[in-house]
Amino acid sequence: TTLHGTTGGITVDEFFDKNMLLTRAHVISPAMDVIAYPTYATTPDGHIISSFRSIVHQPVTAPALQLDLAVTYQTISSFHIPATIHYDLKNIGQFDFVLSQCSVVTVFSTAKQ
């Protein structure tokens, strides 16, 4: 299954497998062209994204760069939220982000349905 959308000079195509898991996303704007390939971890609550491998052209005519993002999760108030994010722009630099002392605030609609 493919979803396609355009707005304000940006085109987005999302590709899903038979289980409706996102397998690829392609975003094109006047400034960049990115194709991202997610991978998933399975939890008792379902799938969560564990990493993205992206091919980035910025600007659109530039040579391709590979950007890898990896995520680990923590459970807070029964929600899976990122605990660490590893950012690796191949041959350029790596960054590790650690999220600590996080909290989850939920907002529920009080409108009658």
Protein backbone atom coordinates (compact mmCIF):
# COMPACT_ATOMS: atom_id res chain seq x y z
CA THR A 1 0.00 0.00 0.00
CA THR A 2 1.27 3.46 -0.86
CA LEU A 3 0.19 6.83 0.48
CA HIS A 4 1.06 9.93 -1.53
CA GLY A 5 0.69 13.57 -0.60
CA THR A 6 1.89 16.97 -1.71
CA THR A 7 1.72 20.40 -0.14
CA GLY A 8 3.70 23.60 -0.44
CA GLY A 9 6.34 22.10 -2.72
CA ILE A 10 6.85 19.01 -0.55
CA THR A 11 6.02 15.52 -1.79
CA VAL A 12 5.69 12.57 0.60
CA ASP A 13 5.32 8.94 -0.39
CA GLU A 14 4.92 6.26 2.29
CA PHE A 15 5.11 2.55 1.50
CA PHE A 16 3.53 -0.08 3.76
CA ASP A 17 3.77 -3.87 3.84
CA LYS A 18 0.79 -6.26 4.05
CA ASN A 19 0.70 -5.72 7.85
CA MET A 20 0.58 -1.93 7.40
CA LEU A 21 4.10 -1.42 8.77
CA LEU A 22 5.91 1.47 7.16
CA THR A 23 8.74 0.04 5.03
CA ARG A 24 9.95 3.21 3.31
CA ALA A 25 9.24 6.92 3.26
CA HIS A 26 10.36 9.28 0.49
CA VAL A 27 10.23 13.03 1.08
CA ILE A 28 11.18 15.54 -1.59
CA SER A 29 11.29 19.28 -1.03
CA PRO A 30 13.02 22.09 -2.90
CA ALA A 31 15.89 21.83 -0.37
CA MET A 32 16.33 18.05 0.03
CA ASP A 33 15.47 14.53 -1.08
CA VAL A 34 15.32 11.86 1.64
CA ILE A 35 14.47 8.16 1.55
CA ALA A 36 14.12 6.55 4.99
CA TYR A 37 13.92 2.84 5.78
CA PRO A 38 12.68 2.03 9.30
CA THR A 39 13.23 -1.17 11.27
CA TYR A 40 11.10 -2.25 14.19
CA ALA A 41 11.35 -3.93 17.57
CA THR A 42 8.48 -6.08 18.76
CA THR A 43 7.02 -5.39 22.19
CA PRO A 44 4.02 -6.93 23.97
CA ASP A 45 2.14 -3.77 22.87
CA GLY A 46 3.12 -4.10 19.20
CA HIS A 47 5.90 -2.77 17.01
CA ILE A 48 8.01 0.29 17.77
CA ILE A 49 10.61 1.88 15.51
CA SER A 50 14.10 0.82 16.53
CA SER A 51 16.09 2.50 13.75
CA PHE A 52 16.02 4.42 10.50
CA ARG A 53 18.53 4.23 7.68
CA SER A 54 18.16 7.29 5.48
CA ILE A 55 19.70 8.35 2.22
CA VAL A 56 19.85 12.15 2.19
CA HIS A 57 20.53 14.58 -0.66
CA GLN A 58 20.82 18.15 0.65
CA PRO A 59 20.51 20.06 -1.59
CA VAL A 60 18.64 17.78 -3.96
CA THR A 61 21.56 17.79 -6.42
CA ALA A 62 24.18 16.92 -3.76
CA PRO A 63 25.80 13.50 -3.46
CA ALA A 64 24.01 11.06 -1.17
CA LEU A 65 24.78 10.95 2.55
CA GLN A 66 23.76 8.08 4.80
CA LEU A 67 22.10 8.98 8.09
CA ASP A 68 21.42 6.23 10.62
CA LEU A 69 19.25 6.77 13.68
CA ALA A 70 18.86 4.14 16.40
CA VAL A 71 16.42 4.39 19.30
CA THR A 72 16.16 2.54 22.60
CA TYR A 73 13.06 2.93 24.71
CA GLN A 74 12.05 3.29 28.31
CA THR A 75 8.59 2.69 29.73
CA ILE A 76 7.10 5.61 31.60
CA SER A 77 3.49 5.53 32.78
CA SER A 78 2.94 2.51 30.49
CA PHE A 79 4.15 4.45 27.41
CA HIS A 80 7.22 3.50 25.38
CA ILE A 81 9.22 6.70 24.91
CA PRO A 82 12.79 7.12 23.68
CA ALA A 83 15.56 6.62 26.24
CA THR A 84 18.49 7.07 23.84
CA ILE A 85 18.86 8.24 20.28
CA HIS A 86 22.05 7.49 18.36
CA TYR A 87 22.57 9.79 15.35
CA ASP A 88 25.24 8.74 12.85
CA LEU A 89 25.85 10.81 9.72
CA LYS A 90 28.35 8.53 7.97
CA ASN A 91 31.85 10.00 7.63
CA ILE A 92 30.65 13.27 9.19
CA GLY A 93 29.80 12.77 12.86
CA GLN A 94 27.99 10.83 15.55
CA PHE A 95 25.86 12.05 18.43
CA ASP A 96 24.25 10.20 21.30
CA PHE A 97 21.27 11.73 23.06
CA VAL A 98 20.13 10.40 26.43
CA LEU A 99 16.69 11.33 27.67
CA SER A 100 16.38 11.18 31.44
CA GLN A 101 13.90 12.33 34.06
CA CYS A 102 11.15 12.14 31.46
CA SER A 103 7.48 12.19 32.27
CA VAL A 104 4.33 11.60 30.29
CA VAL A 105 1.36 13.94 30.46
CA THR A 106 -1.84 12.75 28.85
CA VAL A 107 -4.64 15.00 27.77
CA PHE A 108 -8.06 13.50 27.36
CA SER A 109 -10.90 15.26 25.64
CA THR A 110 -13.79 16.10 27.91
CA ALA A 111 -16.07 16.82 24.95
CA LYS A 112 -19.18 14.64 24.80
CA GLN A 113 -19.38 12.42 21.77
